[in-house]
């Protein structure tokens, strides 16, 4: 049997670890004997491999990378002082298909090239995602939405700026939004999708 080496990472309390919640719980992500690419070792149900579509996440990661008081698993050769987003992107692009990388490089890859999704982030905060497939399981959220006066956390209507008014929302709309949002990468605590997820997507 191939020997596995679980790489223990720091908790999600600091920069660079904000997206690492749950990583240490997944045995077998790094193996010294099985030659598989870094990207194939990531649990896609819990983390998002970052690409060009994730500009807001990259911006947040750069801020975390430069935080000398908290950032961990820094990338060898990339300074905290003068680095730019493209430097992180280029390194990640190079490492996606790496099969010979070290544990240290893999730690850096998980830290700076992937991000936990919202359902995983909230699970780490002891919040249970509402996985009900029946609209009746979303009636509590629908009632709360109808009583809410915070327009910023109303659910977007389509891809535009318009929001679903509190008097118009249906349980199905909330359920569909939460289903889509669950796989989005966590950005930061004041991100609107994160705030909406906490408000509408958590089971009571």
N, C-alpha and C. Protein backbone atom coordinates (compact mmCIF):
# COMPACT_ATOMS: atom_id res chain seq x y z
N UNK A 1 0.85 -1.19 0.00
CA UNK A 1 0.00 0.00 0.00
C UNK A 1 0.88 1.24 0.00
N UNK A 2 0.51 2.20 -0.82
CA UNK A 2 1.32 3.42 -0.91
C UNK A 2 1.26 4.17 0.40
N UNK A 3 2.42 4.67 0.81
CA UNK A 3 2.45 5.43 2.06
C UNK A 3 1.94 6.83 1.81
N UNK A 4 1.08 7.30 2.69
CA UNK A 4 0.51 8.63 2.56
C UNK A 4 1.12 9.55 3.58
N UNK A 5 1.24 10.80 3.23
CA UNK A 5 1.75 11.80 4.17
C UNK A 5 0.77 12.94 4.24
N UNK A 6 0.13 13.08 5.37
CA UNK A 6 -0.82 14.16 5.56
C UNK A 6 -0.07 15.40 5.99
N UNK A 7 -0.23 16.45 5.24
CA UNK A 7 0.46 17.69 5.54
C UNK A 7 -0.43 18.53 6.44
N UNK A 8 0.00 18.74 7.67
CA UNK A 8 -0.80 19.51 8.62
C UNK A 8 -0.62 20.99 8.35
N UNK A 9 -1.71 21.67 8.15
CA UNK A 9 -1.66 23.10 7.90
C UNK A 9 -2.25 23.85 9.08
N UNK A 10 -1.98 25.13 9.13
CA UNK A 10 -2.47 25.93 10.24
C UNK A 10 -3.96 26.11 10.16
N UNK A 11 -4.55 26.60 11.25
CA UNK A 11 -6.00 26.81 11.29
C UNK A 11 -6.38 27.97 10.39
N UNK A 12 -7.67 28.16 10.24
CA UNK A 12 -8.16 29.18 9.31
C UNK A 12 -8.30 30.56 9.95
N UNK A 13 -7.55 30.80 10.98
CA UNK A 13 -7.71 32.08 11.67
C UNK A 13 -6.86 33.18 11.06
N UNK A 14 -5.84 32.83 10.29
CA UNK A 14 -4.95 33.85 9.76
C UNK A 14 -4.96 33.92 8.26
N UNK A 15 -4.35 34.98 7.72
CA UNK A 15 -4.24 35.13 6.29
C UNK A 15 -3.42 33.98 5.74
N UNK A 16 -3.76 33.57 4.54
CA UNK A 16 -3.09 32.43 3.95
C UNK A 16 -3.69 31.14 4.43
N UNK A 17 -4.36 31.19 5.55
CA UNK A 17 -5.06 30.01 6.05
C UNK A 17 -6.55 30.22 6.00
N UNK A 18 -6.98 31.38 5.58
CA UNK A 18 -8.42 31.67 5.54
C UNK A 18 -9.14 30.69 4.64
N UNK A 19 -8.46 30.22 3.61
CA UNK A 19 -9.09 29.27 2.71
C UNK A 19 -8.70 27.86 2.98
N UNK A 20 -8.07 27.58 4.11
CA UNK A 20 -7.55 26.25 4.37
C UNK A 20 -8.39 25.43 5.32
N UNK A 21 -9.48 25.97 5.79
CA UNK A 21 -10.30 25.23 6.73
C UNK A 21 -10.68 23.88 6.15
N UNK A 22 -10.47 22.83 6.91
CA UNK A 22 -10.84 21.51 6.46
C UNK A 22 -9.75 20.77 5.73
N UNK A 23 -8.69 21.47 5.34
CA UNK A 23 -7.63 20.80 4.58
C UNK A 23 -7.00 19.67 5.36
N UNK A 24 -6.68 19.94 6.62
CA UNK A 24 -6.00 18.93 7.41
C UNK A 24 -6.82 17.70 7.67
N UNK A 25 -8.11 17.75 7.37
CA UNK A 25 -8.98 16.61 7.63
C UNK A 25 -8.99 15.61 6.49
N UNK A 26 -8.30 15.92 5.40
CA UNK A 26 -8.37 15.07 4.22
C UNK A 26 -7.08 14.29 4.03
N UNK A 27 -7.07 13.08 4.48
CA UNK A 27 -5.89 12.25 4.36
C UNK A 27 -5.68 11.87 2.89
N UNK A 28 -4.41 11.76 2.55
CA UNK A 28 -4.09 11.29 1.21
C UNK A 28 -4.04 12.37 0.16
N UNK A 29 -4.16 13.63 0.54
CA UNK A 29 -4.07 14.68 -0.46
C UNK A 29 -2.66 14.78 -1.02
N UNK A 30 -1.68 14.48 -0.19
CA UNK A 30 -0.31 14.45 -0.68
C UNK A 30 0.26 13.06 -0.51
N UNK A 31 0.88 12.56 -1.54
CA UNK A 31 1.48 11.23 -1.48
C UNK A 31 2.89 11.31 -2.04
N UNK A 32 3.81 10.66 -1.37
CA UNK A 32 5.19 10.65 -1.86
C UNK A 32 5.40 9.56 -2.89
N UNK A 33 4.42 8.71 -3.09
CA UNK A 33 4.60 7.59 -4.01
C UNK A 33 3.66 7.64 -5.21
N UNK A 34 2.45 8.15 -5.03
CA UNK A 34 1.51 8.22 -6.14
C UNK A 34 1.76 9.50 -6.94
N UNK A 35 2.09 9.35 -8.20
CA UNK A 35 2.44 10.49 -9.04
C UNK A 35 1.20 11.02 -9.76
N UNK A 36 0.49 11.86 -9.08
CA UNK A 36 -0.68 12.52 -9.66
C UNK A 36 -0.50 14.03 -9.55
N UNK A 37 -1.14 14.76 -10.43
CA UNK A 37 -0.98 16.21 -10.45
C UNK A 37 -1.53 16.85 -9.20
N UNK A 38 -0.99 18.01 -8.87
CA UNK A 38 -1.46 18.74 -7.70
C UNK A 38 -2.97 18.99 -7.79
N UNK A 39 -3.43 19.43 -8.96
CA UNK A 39 -4.85 19.78 -9.07
C UNK A 39 -5.76 18.57 -8.90
N UNK A 40 -5.28 17.38 -9.24
CA UNK A 40 -6.11 16.19 -9.10
C UNK A 40 -6.20 15.72 -7.65
N UNK A 41 -5.34 16.23 -6.79
CA UNK A 41 -5.35 15.83 -5.38
C UNK A 41 -6.31 16.67 -4.53
N UNK A 42 -6.84 17.73 -5.13
CA UNK A 42 -7.73 18.62 -4.40
C UNK A 42 -9.14 18.05 -4.37
N UNK A 43 -9.76 18.07 -3.21
CA UNK A 43 -11.15 17.63 -3.06
C UNK A 43 -12.05 18.72 -3.66
N UNK A 44 -12.55 18.47 -4.87
CA UNK A 44 -13.32 19.49 -5.59
C UNK A 44 -14.67 19.78 -4.94
N UNK A 45 -15.12 18.90 -4.05
CA UNK A 45 -16.39 19.17 -3.38
C UNK A 45 -16.22 20.18 -2.25
N UNK A 46 -14.97 20.45 -1.88
CA UNK A 46 -14.72 21.36 -0.76
C UNK A 46 -13.89 22.57 -1.14
N UNK A 47 -13.12 22.47 -2.20
CA UNK A 47 -12.25 23.58 -2.58
C UNK A 47 -12.40 23.89 -4.06
N UNK A 48 -12.07 25.12 -4.41
CA UNK A 48 -12.14 25.57 -5.79
C UNK A 48 -10.72 25.84 -6.28
N UNK A 49 -10.37 25.25 -7.41
CA UNK A 49 -9.08 25.55 -8.03
C UNK A 49 -9.24 26.87 -8.79
N UNK A 50 -8.44 27.85 -8.44
CA UNK A 50 -8.64 29.20 -8.94
C UNK A 50 -8.15 29.39 -10.37
N UNK A 51 -8.91 30.19 -11.11
CA UNK A 51 -8.56 30.50 -12.48
C UNK A 51 -8.85 31.95 -12.80
N UNK A 52 -8.93 32.27 -14.09
CA UNK A 52 -9.13 33.65 -14.51
C UNK A 52 -10.48 34.21 -14.10
N UNK A 53 -11.45 33.35 -13.84
CA UNK A 53 -12.79 33.82 -13.48
C UNK A 53 -12.90 34.28 -12.03
N UNK A 54 -11.82 34.11 -11.26
CA UNK A 54 -11.89 34.38 -9.82
C UNK A 54 -11.10 35.62 -9.42
N UNK A 55 -11.31 36.72 -10.13
CA UNK A 55 -10.51 37.93 -9.91
C UNK A 55 -10.63 38.45 -8.48
N UNK A 56 -11.83 38.40 -7.91
CA UNK A 56 -12.00 38.91 -6.54
C UNK A 56 -11.24 38.06 -5.52
N UNK A 57 -11.17 36.77 -5.77
CA UNK A 57 -10.43 35.89 -4.85
C UNK A 57 -8.94 36.18 -4.95
N UNK A 58 -8.43 36.35 -6.17
CA UNK A 58 -7.01 36.65 -6.35
C UNK A 58 -6.63 37.95 -5.64
N UNK A 59 -7.50 38.95 -5.74
CA UNK A 59 -7.24 40.22 -5.06
C UNK A 59 -7.12 40.02 -3.56
N UNK A 60 -8.02 39.23 -3.00
CA UNK A 60 -7.98 38.95 -1.57
C UNK A 60 -6.75 38.14 -1.20
N UNK A 61 -6.41 37.16 -2.02
CA UNK A 61 -5.23 36.33 -1.75
C UNK A 61 -3.95 37.16 -1.74
N UNK A 62 -3.86 38.11 -2.67
CA UNK A 62 -2.67 38.96 -2.70
C UNK A 62 -2.55 39.75 -1.40
N UNK A 63 -3.66 40.26 -0.91
CA UNK A 63 -3.66 41.00 0.36
C UNK A 63 -3.21 40.09 1.50
N UNK A 64 -3.70 38.86 1.51
CA UNK A 64 -3.31 37.91 2.56
C UNK A 64 -1.84 37.52 2.44
N UNK A 65 -1.38 37.36 1.20
CA UNK A 65 0.01 36.96 0.98
C UNK A 65 0.98 38.00 1.53
N UNK A 66 0.61 39.26 1.41
CA UNK A 66 1.49 40.36 1.85
C UNK A 66 1.43 40.61 3.35
N UNK A 67 0.53 39.94 4.03
CA UNK A 67 0.38 40.13 5.47
C UNK A 67 1.46 39.34 6.21
N UNK A 68 2.53 40.01 6.59
CA UNK A 68 3.68 39.33 7.19
C UNK A 68 3.39 38.78 8.58
N UNK A 69 2.35 39.24 9.20
CA UNK A 69 2.03 38.77 10.55
C UNK A 69 1.24 37.46 10.54
N UNK A 70 0.67 37.11 9.39
CA UNK A 70 -0.21 35.95 9.36
C UNK A 70 0.06 34.95 8.23
N UNK A 71 0.56 35.40 7.11
CA UNK A 71 0.69 34.53 5.94
C UNK A 71 1.62 33.35 6.21
N UNK A 72 1.20 32.18 5.78
CA UNK A 72 2.00 30.97 5.93
C UNK A 72 2.10 30.25 4.60
N UNK A 73 3.01 29.28 4.52
CA UNK A 73 3.20 28.48 3.31
C UNK A 73 3.46 29.37 2.09
N UNK A 74 4.37 30.33 2.28
CA UNK A 74 4.71 31.24 1.19
C UNK A 74 5.37 30.48 0.05
N UNK A 75 5.26 31.04 -1.13
CA UNK A 75 5.82 30.42 -2.33
C UNK A 75 7.28 30.81 -2.46
N UNK A 76 8.13 29.82 -2.59
CA UNK A 76 9.56 30.08 -2.72
C UNK A 76 9.82 30.92 -3.97
N UNK A 77 10.53 32.02 -3.78
CA UNK A 77 10.87 32.89 -4.90
C UNK A 77 9.91 34.04 -5.13
N UNK A 78 8.80 34.05 -4.39
CA UNK A 78 7.83 35.15 -4.53
C UNK A 78 7.82 35.95 -3.23
N UNK A 79 8.33 37.16 -3.29
CA UNK A 79 8.45 38.02 -2.12
C UNK A 79 7.10 38.53 -1.65
N UNK A 80 7.00 38.79 -0.36
CA UNK A 80 5.78 39.41 0.17
C UNK A 80 5.75 40.91 -0.10
N UNK A 81 6.88 41.49 -0.42
CA UNK A 81 6.97 42.94 -0.54
C UNK A 81 6.48 43.48 -1.87
N UNK A 82 6.91 42.88 -2.96
CA UNK A 82 6.64 43.47 -4.27
C UNK A 82 5.83 42.58 -5.20
N UNK A 83 5.26 41.52 -4.67
CA UNK A 83 4.57 40.60 -5.55
C UNK A 83 3.27 41.20 -6.08
N UNK A 84 2.84 40.69 -7.22
CA UNK A 84 1.58 41.12 -7.84
C UNK A 84 0.75 39.88 -8.12
N UNK A 85 -0.51 40.09 -8.43
CA UNK A 85 -1.41 38.97 -8.67
C UNK A 85 -0.89 38.05 -9.76
N UNK A 86 -0.34 38.63 -10.82
CA UNK A 86 0.15 37.80 -11.93
C UNK A 86 1.24 36.84 -11.49
N UNK A 87 2.02 37.22 -10.50
CA UNK A 87 3.07 36.32 -10.00
C UNK A 87 2.45 35.08 -9.38
N UNK A 88 1.39 35.27 -8.60
CA UNK A 88 0.70 34.13 -8.00
C UNK A 88 0.05 33.28 -9.07
N UNK A 89 -0.61 33.92 -10.02
CA UNK A 89 -1.29 33.20 -11.09
C UNK A 89 -0.31 32.36 -11.91
N UNK A 90 0.81 32.95 -12.24
CA UNK A 90 1.80 32.25 -13.06
C UNK A 90 2.36 31.04 -12.33
N UNK A 91 2.63 31.19 -11.04
CA UNK A 91 3.14 30.06 -10.27
C UNK A 91 2.09 28.97 -10.19
N UNK A 92 0.86 29.35 -9.92
CA UNK A 92 -0.22 28.36 -9.81
C UNK A 92 -0.43 27.64 -11.13
N UNK A 93 -0.40 28.38 -12.22
CA UNK A 93 -0.58 27.77 -13.54
C UNK A 93 0.50 26.73 -13.81
N UNK A 94 1.71 27.03 -13.37
CA UNK A 94 2.82 26.10 -13.55
C UNK A 94 2.67 24.86 -12.69
N UNK A 95 2.07 25.02 -11.51
CA UNK A 95 2.01 23.92 -10.55
C UNK A 95 0.76 23.05 -10.68
N UNK A 96 -0.24 23.49 -11.42
CA UNK A 96 -1.47 22.69 -11.54
C UNK A 96 -1.19 21.24 -11.93
N UNK A 97 -0.29 21.07 -12.87
CA UNK A 97 -0.03 19.72 -13.40
C UNK A 97 1.24 19.10 -12.84
N UNK A 98 1.79 19.70 -11.80
CA UNK A 98 3.01 19.16 -11.20
C UNK A 98 2.75 17.80 -10.56
N UNK A 99 3.63 16.85 -10.84
CA UNK A 99 3.54 15.54 -10.19
C UNK A 99 4.80 15.25 -9.37
N UNK A 100 5.78 16.12 -9.47
CA UNK A 100 7.05 15.91 -8.77
C UNK A 100 7.25 16.89 -7.62
N UNK A 101 6.29 17.75 -7.38
CA UNK A 101 6.45 18.77 -6.37
C UNK A 101 6.58 18.22 -4.96
N UNK A 102 7.20 19.00 -4.10
CA UNK A 102 7.42 18.59 -2.71
C UNK A 102 6.18 18.87 -1.86
N UNK A 103 6.22 18.38 -0.62
CA UNK A 103 5.14 18.68 0.32
C UNK A 103 5.02 20.18 0.55
N UNK A 104 6.16 20.84 0.66
CA UNK A 104 6.16 22.28 0.88
C UNK A 104 5.48 23.01 -0.28
N UNK A 105 5.79 22.59 -1.50
CA UNK A 105 5.16 23.21 -2.67
C UNK A 105 3.67 22.91 -2.71
N UNK A 106 3.30 21.71 -2.30
CA UNK A 106 1.88 21.37 -2.28
C UNK A 106 1.13 22.20 -1.25
N UNK A 107 1.75 22.41 -0.09
CA UNK A 107 1.14 23.29 0.92
C UNK A 107 0.91 24.68 0.34
N UNK A 108 1.90 25.19 -0.37
CA UNK A 108 1.78 26.51 -0.99
C UNK A 108 0.68 26.50 -2.05
N UNK A 109 0.60 25.40 -2.78
CA UNK A 109 -0.42 25.29 -3.83
C UNK A 109 -1.82 25.34 -3.23
N UNK A 110 -2.04 24.57 -2.18
CA UNK A 110 -3.36 24.58 -1.53
C UNK A 110 -3.67 25.97 -0.98
N UNK A 111 -2.66 26.62 -0.40
CA UNK A 111 -2.85 27.92 0.24
C UNK A 111 -3.17 29.03 -0.74
N UNK A 112 -2.46 29.04 -1.89
CA UNK A 112 -2.50 30.21 -2.76
C UNK A 112 -3.09 29.95 -4.14
N UNK A 113 -3.44 28.72 -4.44
CA UNK A 113 -3.99 28.40 -5.77
C UNK A 113 -5.39 27.81 -5.68
N UNK A 114 -5.85 27.53 -4.47
CA UNK A 114 -7.20 27.01 -4.27
C UNK A 114 -7.86 27.78 -3.13
N UNK A 115 -9.15 27.63 -3.04
CA UNK A 115 -9.90 28.32 -1.98
C UNK A 115 -11.08 27.44 -1.58
N UNK A 116 -11.37 27.39 -0.29
CA UNK A 116 -12.52 26.62 0.15
C UNK A 116 -13.80 27.25 -0.38
N UNK A 117 -14.78 26.41 -0.68
CA UNK A 117 -16.05 26.95 -1.12
C UNK A 117 -16.89 27.38 0.08
N UNK A 118 -18.01 28.02 -0.20
CA UNK A 118 -18.80 28.60 0.88
C UNK A 118 -19.40 27.54 1.80
N UNK A 119 -19.83 26.43 1.24
CA UNK A 119 -20.43 25.40 2.09
C UNK A 119 -19.40 24.83 3.06
N UNK A 120 -18.15 24.71 2.61
CA UNK A 120 -17.08 24.22 3.47
C UNK A 120 -16.70 25.26 4.52
N UNK A 121 -16.63 26.51 4.10
CA UNK A 121 -16.30 27.59 5.03
C UNK A 121 -17.30 27.65 6.18
N UNK A 122 -18.58 27.58 5.85
CA UNK A 122 -19.61 27.69 6.89
C UNK A 122 -19.68 26.43 7.75
N UNK A 123 -19.38 25.29 7.17
CA UNK A 123 -19.32 24.06 7.95
C UNK A 123 -18.24 24.17 9.02
N UNK A 124 -17.12 24.77 8.67
CA UNK A 124 -16.03 24.96 9.63
C UNK A 124 -16.43 25.93 10.74
N UNK A 125 -17.43 26.75 10.48
CA UNK A 125 -17.93 27.68 11.48
C UNK A 125 -19.13 27.10 12.22
N UNK A 126 -19.29 25.79 12.10
CA UNK A 126 -20.39 25.05 12.77
C UNK A 126 -21.76 25.50 12.31
N UNK A 127 -21.84 25.88 11.03
CA UNK A 127 -23.12 26.25 10.43
C UNK A 127 -23.49 25.20 9.39
N UNK A 128 -24.69 24.68 9.47
CA UNK A 128 -25.13 23.61 8.58
C UNK A 128 -25.86 24.18 7.36
N UNK A 129 -25.37 23.82 6.19
CA UNK A 129 -25.99 24.26 4.95
C UNK A 129 -27.35 23.59 4.78
N UNK A 130 -28.31 24.33 4.31
CA UNK A 130 -29.63 23.77 4.03
C UNK A 130 -29.58 23.00 2.72
N UNK A 131 -29.64 21.69 2.79
CA UNK A 131 -29.57 20.85 1.60
C UNK A 131 -30.93 20.32 1.17
N UNK A 132 -31.99 20.89 1.69
CA UNK A 132 -33.32 20.43 1.34
C UNK A 132 -33.58 20.61 -0.15
N UNK A 133 -34.11 19.57 -0.78
CA UNK A 133 -34.46 19.64 -2.21
C UNK A 133 -35.94 19.98 -2.41
N UNK A 134 -36.65 20.10 -1.32
CA UNK A 134 -38.09 20.41 -1.36
C UNK A 134 -38.28 21.87 -0.95
N UNK A 135 -39.10 22.58 -1.69
CA UNK A 135 -39.32 23.99 -1.38
C UNK A 135 -39.82 24.21 0.04
N UNK A 136 -40.54 23.23 0.58
CA UNK A 136 -41.06 23.38 1.94
C UNK A 136 -39.94 23.49 2.96
N UNK A 137 -38.76 22.97 2.61
CA UNK A 137 -37.62 23.06 3.51
C UNK A 137 -36.99 24.44 3.54
N UNK A 138 -37.51 25.33 2.69
CA UNK A 138 -36.97 26.69 2.61
C UNK A 138 -37.97 27.74 3.06
N UNK A 139 -39.07 27.30 3.63
CA UNK A 139 -40.11 28.25 4.05
C UNK A 139 -39.64 29.19 5.16
N UNK A 140 -38.80 28.68 6.06
CA UNK A 140 -38.28 29.54 7.13
C UNK A 140 -37.45 30.67 6.55
N UNK A 141 -36.59 30.33 5.58
CA UNK A 141 -35.77 31.35 4.93
C UNK A 141 -36.64 32.33 4.15
N UNK A 142 -37.68 31.82 3.50
CA UNK A 142 -38.60 32.68 2.74
C UNK A 142 -39.29 33.67 3.67
N UNK A 143 -39.74 33.20 4.81
CA UNK A 143 -40.40 34.08 5.78
C UNK A 143 -39.44 35.16 6.28
N UNK A 144 -38.21 34.74 6.61
CA UNK A 144 -37.21 35.69 7.10
C UNK A 144 -36.86 36.71 6.02
N UNK A 145 -36.76 36.25 4.78
CA UNK A 145 -36.45 37.15 3.66
C UNK A 145 -37.54 38.21 3.53
N UNK A 146 -38.79 37.79 3.68
CA UNK A 146 -39.90 38.72 3.56
C UNK A 146 -39.95 39.76 4.66
N UNK A 147 -39.26 39.48 5.75
CA UNK A 147 -39.23 40.42 6.88
C UNK A 147 -37.94 41.23 6.92
N UNK A 148 -37.05 40.97 6.00
CA UNK A 148 -35.73 41.60 6.03
C UNK A 148 -35.73 42.94 5.30
N UNK A 149 -35.09 43.94 5.90
CA UNK A 149 -35.01 45.26 5.29
C UNK A 149 -33.61 45.60 4.78
N UNK A 150 -32.68 44.65 4.86
CA UNK A 150 -31.32 44.88 4.37
C UNK A 150 -31.27 44.57 2.87
N UNK A 151 -31.35 45.58 2.06
CA UNK A 151 -31.42 45.35 0.61
C UNK A 151 -30.12 44.80 0.04
N UNK A 152 -28.98 45.04 0.71
CA UNK A 152 -27.71 44.58 0.16
C UNK A 152 -27.59 43.06 0.16
N UNK A 153 -28.31 42.40 1.07
CA UNK A 153 -28.21 40.94 1.10
C UNK A 153 -29.41 40.26 0.45
N UNK A 154 -30.21 41.05 -0.27
CA UNK A 154 -31.26 40.42 -1.07
C UNK A 154 -30.61 39.66 -2.22
N UNK A 155 -31.28 38.63 -2.68
CA UNK A 155 -30.73 37.76 -3.72
C UNK A 155 -30.80 38.45 -5.08
N UNK A 156 -29.72 38.40 -5.85
CA UNK A 156 -29.73 39.01 -7.18
C UNK A 156 -30.77 38.34 -8.09
N UNK A 157 -31.37 39.16 -8.93
CA UNK A 157 -32.30 38.63 -9.93
C UNK A 157 -31.54 38.49 -11.24
N UNK A 158 -31.17 37.27 -11.57
CA UNK A 158 -30.36 37.05 -12.76
C UNK A 158 -28.93 37.52 -12.54
N UNK A 159 -28.28 37.95 -13.61
CA UNK A 159 -26.87 38.35 -13.53
C UNK A 159 -26.69 39.86 -13.40
N UNK A 160 -27.78 40.60 -13.35
CA UNK A 160 -27.68 42.05 -13.27
C UNK A 160 -27.63 42.55 -11.84
N UNK A 161 -27.87 43.85 -11.69
CA UNK A 161 -27.82 44.49 -10.38
C UNK A 161 -29.14 44.39 -9.63
N UNK A 162 -30.21 44.08 -10.34
CA UNK A 162 -31.53 44.05 -9.72
C UNK A 162 -31.63 42.91 -8.70
N UNK A 163 -32.30 43.18 -7.59
CA UNK A 163 -32.47 42.20 -6.52
C UNK A 163 -33.93 41.73 -6.46
N UNK A 164 -34.13 40.57 -5.88
CA UNK A 164 -35.48 40.06 -5.68
C UNK A 164 -36.08 40.75 -4.45
N UNK A 165 -37.15 41.47 -4.65
CA UNK A 165 -37.78 42.21 -3.56
C UNK A 165 -38.32 41.25 -2.51
N UNK A 166 -38.38 41.71 -1.28
CA UNK A 166 -38.78 40.82 -0.19
C UNK A 166 -40.22 40.33 -0.33
N UNK A 167 -41.06 41.08 -1.01
CA UNK A 167 -42.43 40.65 -1.20
C UNK A 167 -42.63 39.73 -2.38
N UNK A 168 -41.59 39.56 -3.18
CA UNK A 168 -41.70 38.75 -4.39
C UNK A 168 -40.97 37.42 -4.32
N UNK A 169 -40.15 37.23 -3.32
CA UNK A 169 -39.29 36.05 -3.27
C UNK A 169 -40.10 34.77 -3.08
N UNK A 170 -39.60 33.69 -3.68
CA UNK A 170 -40.20 32.37 -3.49
C UNK A 170 -39.18 31.45 -2.85
N UNK A 171 -39.66 30.38 -2.25
CA UNK A 171 -38.76 29.40 -1.65
C UNK A 171 -37.85 28.80 -2.71
N UNK A 172 -38.38 28.60 -3.91
CA UNK A 172 -37.59 28.03 -5.00
C UNK A 172 -36.42 28.94 -5.37
N UNK A 173 -36.66 30.24 -5.40
CA UNK A 173 -35.59 31.18 -5.75
C UNK A 173 -34.46 31.13 -4.72
N UNK A 174 -34.82 31.06 -3.46
CA UNK A 174 -33.79 30.98 -2.42
C UNK A 174 -33.03 29.66 -2.53
N UNK A 175 -33.76 28.58 -2.73
CA UNK A 175 -33.12 27.26 -2.85
C UNK A 175 -32.15 27.23 -4.03
N UNK A 176 -32.58 27.76 -5.17
CA UNK A 176 -31.73 27.76 -6.36
C UNK A 176 -30.49 28.63 -6.16
N UNK A 177 -30.68 29.77 -5.52
CA UNK A 177 -29.53 30.65 -5.25
C UNK A 177 -28.52 29.94 -4.36
N UNK A 178 -29.00 29.31 -3.31
CA UNK A 178 -28.09 28.65 -2.36
C UNK A 178 -27.39 27.46 -3.00
N UNK A 179 -28.08 26.77 -3.88
CA UNK A 179 -27.46 25.64 -4.58
C UNK A 179 -26.29 26.12 -5.42
N UNK A 180 -26.49 27.23 -6.12
CA UNK A 180 -25.42 27.80 -6.95
C UNK A 180 -24.29 28.35 -6.09
N UNK A 181 -24.65 29.03 -5.03
CA UNK A 181 -23.66 29.70 -4.18
C UNK A 181 -22.78 28.72 -3.41
N UNK A 182 -23.29 27.56 -3.10
CA UNK A 182 -22.56 26.61 -2.26
C UNK A 182 -21.18 26.27 -2.79
N UNK A 183 -21.04 26.26 -4.12
CA UNK A 183 -19.75 25.89 -4.72
C UNK A 183 -18.87 27.08 -5.05
N UNK A 184 -19.33 28.28 -4.72
CA UNK A 184 -18.51 29.48 -4.96
C UNK A 184 -17.36 29.53 -3.97
N UNK A 185 -16.20 30.05 -4.39
CA UNK A 185 -15.10 30.18 -3.43
C UNK A 185 -15.37 31.28 -2.42
N UNK A 186 -14.99 31.03 -1.18
CA UNK A 186 -15.06 32.06 -0.15
C UNK A 186 -14.07 33.16 -0.49
N UNK A 187 -14.49 34.41 -0.38
CA UNK A 187 -13.59 35.54 -0.63
C UNK A 187 -13.16 36.15 0.69
N UNK A 188 -14.08 36.76 1.39
CA UNK A 188 -13.81 37.33 2.71
C UNK A 188 -15.13 37.55 3.42
N UNK A 189 -15.04 37.88 4.70
CA UNK A 189 -16.24 37.92 5.54
C UNK A 189 -17.23 39.01 5.15
N UNK A 190 -16.76 40.08 4.51
CA UNK A 190 -17.70 41.13 4.13
C UNK A 190 -18.16 41.03 2.68
N UNK A 191 -17.84 39.91 2.03
CA UNK A 191 -18.34 39.65 0.69
C UNK A 191 -19.84 39.39 0.75
N UNK A 192 -20.59 39.92 -0.20
CA UNK A 192 -22.05 39.82 -0.13
C UNK A 192 -22.56 38.40 -0.28
N UNK A 193 -21.93 37.58 -1.12
CA UNK A 193 -22.40 36.20 -1.25
C UNK A 193 -22.20 35.43 0.04
N UNK A 194 -21.13 35.73 0.75
CA UNK A 194 -20.90 35.10 2.06
C UNK A 194 -21.98 35.55 3.04
N UNK A 195 -22.29 36.84 3.05
CA UNK A 195 -23.32 37.35 3.95
C UNK A 195 -24.69 36.76 3.61
N UNK A 196 -24.98 36.66 2.32
CA UNK A 196 -26.26 36.07 1.91
C UNK A 196 -26.34 34.60 2.29
N UNK A 197 -25.23 33.90 2.12
CA UNK A 197 -25.23 32.48 2.46
C UNK A 197 -25.53 32.27 3.94
N UNK A 198 -24.92 33.08 4.79
CA UNK A 198 -25.18 32.97 6.23
C UNK A 198 -26.64 33.27 6.54
N UNK A 199 -27.20 34.23 5.83
CA UNK A 199 -28.56 34.68 6.12
C UNK A 199 -29.63 33.73 5.57
N UNK A 200 -29.41 33.21 4.35
CA UNK A 200 -30.50 32.48 3.68
C UNK A 200 -30.24 30.99 3.46
N UNK A 201 -29.00 30.56 3.57
CA UNK A 201 -28.68 29.19 3.15
C UNK A 201 -28.38 28.23 4.30
N UNK A 202 -28.52 28.69 5.52
CA UNK A 202 -28.21 27.86 6.68
C UNK A 202 -29.49 27.25 7.25
N UNK A 203 -29.44 25.98 7.56
CA UNK A 203 -30.61 25.33 8.15
C UNK A 203 -30.73 25.70 9.62
N UNK A 204 -31.94 25.82 10.08
CA UNK A 204 -32.17 26.23 11.47
C UNK A 204 -32.04 25.04 12.41
